[in-house]
Protein backbone atom coordinates (compact mmCIF):
# COMPACT_ATOMS: atom_id res chain seq x y z
CA UNK A 1 -4.58 -4.44 -2.00
CA UNK A 2 -2.08 -7.08 -3.05
CA UNK A 3 0.78 -8.05 -0.74
CA UNK A 4 3.97 -8.08 -2.78
CA UNK A 5 6.13 -9.47 0.02
CA UNK A 6 7.38 -8.99 3.56
CA UNK A 7 10.59 -9.47 5.55
CA UNK A 8 12.03 -8.68 8.97
CA UNK A 9 14.63 -5.93 9.23
CA UNK A 10 15.97 -4.38 12.46
CA UNK A 11 13.05 -5.65 14.52
CA UNK A 12 10.36 -4.47 12.10
CA UNK A 13 8.27 -6.40 9.59
CA UNK A 14 8.55 -4.42 6.37
CA UNK A 15 6.03 -5.09 3.65
CA UNK A 16 4.73 -3.60 0.41
CA UNK A 17 1.12 -3.54 -0.77
CA UNK A 18 0.14 -2.63 -4.33
CA UNK A 19 -2.99 -0.54 -4.70
CA UNK A 20 -5.69 -1.71 -7.09
CA UNK A 21 -5.83 1.69 -8.80
CA UNK A 22 -3.77 4.84 -8.83
CA UNK A 23 -5.19 7.39 -6.43
CA UNK A 24 -5.02 11.14 -5.99
CA UNK A 25 -3.58 13.06 -3.05
CA UNK A 26 -7.05 13.76 -1.73
CA UNK A 27 -7.83 10.06 -1.74
CA UNK A 28 -4.67 9.41 0.27
CA UNK A 29 -5.83 11.97 2.82
CA UNK A 30 -9.13 10.10 2.96
CA UNK A 31 -7.24 6.90 3.84
CA UNK A 32 -5.19 8.64 6.54
CA UNK A 33 -8.40 10.16 7.93
CA UNK A 34 -9.96 6.69 8.13
CA UNK A 35 -6.80 5.24 9.72
CA UNK A 36 -7.43 7.31 12.85
CA UNK A 37 -9.93 4.62 13.85
CA UNK A 38 -7.12 2.04 14.04
CA UNK A 39 -4.35 4.03 15.78
CA UNK A 40 -3.60 5.75 19.07
CA UNK A 41 -0.79 8.21 19.91
CA UNK A 42 -0.86 9.27 16.28
CA UNK A 43 1.85 11.20 14.45
CA UNK A 44 1.45 12.34 10.84
CA UNK A 45 4.48 12.59 8.54
CA UNK A 46 4.60 14.56 5.29
CA UNK A 47 7.74 14.07 3.23
CA UNK A 48 9.27 12.28 6.25
CA UNK A 49 8.71 15.31 8.52
CA UNK A 50 6.27 15.20 11.40
CA UNK A 51 3.32 17.57 11.19
CA UNK A 52 1.53 19.24 14.06
CA UNK A 53 -2.19 18.83 13.73
CA UNK A 54 -4.78 19.96 16.22
CA UNK A 55 -7.54 17.59 15.18
CA UNK A 56 -8.36 14.76 12.84
CA UNK A 57 -10.02 17.18 10.45
CA UNK A 58 -6.71 18.95 9.85
CA UNK A 59 -5.55 15.93 7.84
CA UNK A 60 -8.01 16.75 5.06
CA UNK A 61 -6.40 20.15 4.48
CA UNK A 62 -2.74 19.08 4.20
CA UNK A 63 -1.25 20.50 0.96
CA UNK A 64 -0.18 17.99 -1.67
CA UNK A 65 3.34 16.64 -1.33
CA UNK A 66 5.39 13.56 -2.25
CA UNK A 67 4.38 11.26 0.59
CA UNK A 68 2.22 11.04 3.68
CA UNK A 69 2.36 8.55 6.53
CA UNK A 70 0.57 7.75 9.76
CA UNK A 71 2.42 6.21 12.70
CA UNK A 72 1.36 5.20 16.16
CA UNK A 73 0.17 2.26 18.23
CA UNK A 74 -2.12 -0.04 16.27
CA UNK A 75 -5.35 -0.75 18.12
CA UNK A 76 -5.69 -3.96 16.10
CA UNK A 77 -2.24 -5.48 16.66
CA UNK A 78 -1.32 -3.61 19.88
CA UNK A 79 2.16 -2.80 18.54
CA UNK A 80 3.81 0.26 16.90
CA UNK A 81 2.89 0.49 13.23
CA UNK A 82 3.35 2.93 10.35
CA UNK A 83 1.73 3.15 6.91
CA UNK A 84 3.18 5.18 4.01
CA UNK A 85 1.43 6.42 0.86
CA UNK A 86 3.20 8.01 -2.13
CA UNK A 87 2.04 10.18 -5.01
CA UNK A 88 4.60 8.95 -7.54
CA UNK A 89 4.05 5.20 -7.27
CA UNK A 90 1.16 2.76 -6.90
CA UNK A 91 2.21 0.99 -3.72
CA UNK A 92 2.17 1.49 0.03
CA UNK A 93 4.84 0.51 2.55
CA UNK A 94 3.78 -0.90 5.92
CA UNK A 95 6.00 -1.45 8.97
CA UNK A 96 4.97 -3.48 12.00
CA UNK A 97 7.09 -3.71 15.15
CA UNK A 98 8.10 -7.24 16.14
CA UNK A 99 7.57 -7.65 19.88
CA UNK A 100 7.27 -11.44 20.06
CA UNK A 101 8.61 -14.59 18.48
CA UNK A 102 5.21 -15.20 16.97
CA UNK A 103 5.47 -12.04 14.87
CA UNK A 104 9.03 -12.89 13.86
CA UNK A 105 7.84 -16.26 12.56
CA UNK A 106 4.97 -15.01 10.40
CA UNK A 107 5.07 -16.34 6.86
CA UNK A 108 3.49 -14.72 3.81
CA UNK A 109 0.09 -16.36 4.19
CA UNK A 110 -0.41 -15.58 7.89
CA UNK A 111 0.92 -12.02 7.58
CA UNK A 112 -1.36 -11.40 4.61
CA UNK A 113 -4.41 -12.62 6.54
CA UNK A 114 -3.50 -10.30 9.42
CA UNK A 115 -2.68 -7.02 7.69
CA UNK A 116 -4.48 -7.17 4.34
CA UNK A 117 -8.01 -6.64 5.80
CA UNK A 118 -6.80 -3.39 7.38
CA UNK A 119 -5.18 -2.21 4.15
CA UNK A 120 -8.31 -3.10 2.18
CA UNK A 121 -10.40 -1.03 4.58
CA UNK A 122 -8.14 1.98 4.00
CA UNK A 123 -8.26 1.51 0.25
CA UNK A 124 -12.06 1.39 0.30
CA UNK A 125 -12.08 4.63 2.30
CA UNK A 126 -10.34 6.31 -0.64
CA UNK A 127 -13.38 5.78 -2.86
CA UNK A 128 -16.13 6.67 -0.41
CA UNK A 129 -17.83 10.03 -0.24
CA UNK A 130 -15.14 12.53 0.79
CA UNK A 131 -15.15 13.26 4.49
CA UNK A 132 -15.89 16.83 5.49
CA UNK A 133 -14.49 18.65 8.51
CA UNK A 134 -16.85 18.68 11.46
CA UNK A 135 -18.83 21.82 12.26
CA UNK A 136 -16.62 22.64 15.19
CA UNK A 137 -13.46 22.57 13.09
CA UNK A 138 -13.39 26.34 12.44
CA UNK A 139 -12.99 27.40 16.02
CA UNK A 140 -16.54 26.82 17.23
CA UNK A 141 -17.01 25.09 20.53
CA UNK A 142 -19.59 22.68 19.16
CA UNK A 143 -22.75 21.46 20.87
CA UNK A 144 -22.76 21.59 24.65
CA UNK A 145 -23.14 18.32 26.51
CA UNK A 146 -25.39 18.07 29.53
CA UNK A 147 -24.31 16.38 32.72
CA UNK A 148 -26.57 13.43 32.07
CA UNK A 149 -25.09 12.78 28.63
CA UNK A 150 -22.69 9.90 28.45
CA UNK A 151 -20.01 9.55 25.79
CA UNK A 152 -20.92 7.01 23.19
CA UNK A 153 -18.73 3.94 23.07
CA UNK A 154 -16.83 3.39 19.88
CA UNK A 155 -18.15 0.46 17.92
CA UNK A 156 -15.79 -2.40 17.45
CA UNK A 157 -13.95 -2.30 14.17
CA UNK A 158 -15.12 -4.75 11.48
CA UNK A 159 -11.50 -5.19 10.52
CA UNK A 160 -10.50 -6.23 14.01
CA UNK A 161 -13.07 -9.04 14.04
CA UNK A 162 -11.50 -10.54 10.93
CA UNK A 163 -7.93 -10.40 12.14
CA UNK A 164 -6.56 -13.10 14.43
CA UNK A 165 -5.54 -11.79 17.79
CA UNK A 166 -1.80 -12.00 18.14
CA UNK A 167 -2.23 -12.65 21.87
CA UNK A 168 0.81 -10.56 22.66
CA UNK A 169 0.94 -7.46 24.77
CA UNK A 170 3.50 -4.78 24.05
CA UNK A 171 5.21 -2.44 26.43
CA UNK A 172 4.02 1.13 26.24
CA UNK A 173 5.93 2.69 23.39
CA UNK A 174 5.87 6.33 22.49
CA UNK A 175 4.95 7.40 19.01
CA UNK A 176 8.24 9.16 18.70
CA UNK A 177 9.89 5.73 18.75
CA UNK A 178 7.74 4.47 15.90
CA UNK A 179 7.99 7.72 13.97
CA UNK A 180 11.68 8.24 14.56
CA UNK A 181 12.43 4.79 13.21
CA UNK A 182 10.47 5.50 10.05
CA UNK A 183 12.16 8.90 9.72
CA UNK A 184 15.68 7.54 10.17
CA UNK A 185 15.30 5.15 7.22
CA UNK A 186 15.21 8.02 4.76
CA UNK A 187 17.29 10.69 6.47
CA UNK A 188 16.70 14.39 6.75
CA UNK A 189 17.64 15.21 3.17
CA UNK A 190 15.19 16.06 0.42
CA UNK A 191 12.65 13.29 -0.29
CA UNK A 192 13.74 10.81 -2.92
CA UNK A 193 11.72 8.46 -5.06
CA UNK A 194 10.12 5.91 -2.73
CA UNK A 195 11.27 2.30 -2.82
CA UNK A 196 9.26 -0.80 -2.00
CA UNK A 197 9.97 -2.60 1.25
CA UNK A 198 9.64 -6.04 -0.29
CA UNK A 199 12.75 -8.25 0.08
CA UNK A 200 15.35 -8.22 -2.68
CA UNK A 201 15.95 -11.97 -2.32
CA UNK A 202 13.26 -14.58 -1.70
CA UNK A 203 13.15 -15.83 1.90
CA UNK A 204 12.56 -19.41 2.95
CA UNK A 205 9.01 -20.61 3.42
CA UNK A 206 5.82 -19.77 1.52
CA UNK A 207 6.17 -16.80 -0.74
CA UNK A 208 3.79 -14.55 -2.62
CA UNK A 209 1.99 -16.38 -5.41
CA UNK A 210 3.37 -15.47 -8.77
CA UNK A 211 1.04 -13.82 -11.22
CA UNK A 212 0.57 -15.90 -14.31
CA UNK A 213 1.46 -14.05 -17.47
CA UNK A 214 0.22 -15.40 -20.74
CA UNK A 215 2.98 -15.56 -23.36
CA UNK A 216 2.56 -13.41 -26.40
CA UNK A 217 2.23 -15.76 -29.34
CA UNK A 218 3.51 -14.44 -32.58
CA UNK A 219 1.57 -15.32 -35.69
CA UNK A 220 3.33 -17.98 -37.78
CA UNK A 221 5.12 -16.75 -40.82
CA UNK A 222 3.25 -17.90 -43.86
CA UNK A 223 5.38 -19.15 -46.68
CA UNK A 224 4.30 -18.38 -50.19
CA UNK A 225 5.34 -20.50 -53.14
CA UNK A 226 7.92 -18.96 -55.36
CA UNK A 227 6.53 -17.66 -58.65
CA UNK A 228 6.88 -20.11 -61.48
CA UNK A 229 9.40 -19.17 -64.06
CA UNK A 230 8.03 -19.09 -67.61
CA UNK A 231 9.20 -22.08 -69.58
CA UNK A 232 11.46 -21.32 -72.53
CA UNK A 233 9.82 -22.39 -75.76
CA UNK A 234 12.38 -23.40 -78.35
CA UNK A 235 12.12 -21.53 -81.64
CA UNK A 236 10.17 -23.21 -84.44
CA UNK A 237 12.70 -24.61 -86.92
CA UNK A 238 12.53 -23.25 -90.42
CA UNK A 239 11.58 -25.65 -93.24
CA UNK A 240 14.55 -27.00 -95.22
CA UNK A 241 15.43 -25.02 -98.26
CA UNK A 242 14.44 -26.34 -101.64
């Protein structure tokens, strides 16, 4: 994804990422399904309203709507975070809670190196083989575990190894705090067309690199010579009379 810009507003870093391609609702659900690996205390929002889900597999069966978001505590950054996807536009809004001066002082380049690997991982998940609900999703108890079995440890995320550790520890924050903040930005009315979280005015410091646009050169107007006017031939004089 391409980071369009970021700015701090009310203690949150708000940013907008443009997707490489337009995606379907099912592909957005694939990204939310994959995001479970990077969040704890998760809350899912559909059209700015929280949804009760019993398991991760329930995400894959959410009916199509205008927007879907995941909010919770990021296991990568250790702070409250929320990610929004929309069906009507080709961008995603990301909000990261500022809990230290270091996060407040992030410029475009450092913020992009932190968050973009995570967003790229979610975008790649959209184009992988669609995830299928586990066998125990339809009410079955699943395979029984013996007493000697030990739970497998979750492998470390490849995204986390690429992202610089912020070195900051956050106070325990409930997901309702992260979700309520995201919900209050849009109100309880009917969902409106989403807007990008990029700043309206450029901030000081390094900014997003501008995309070079080649000018459209118009073909020069060819001038054609004016048609030559036929020369007037004087009449042949008559011979003098005899």
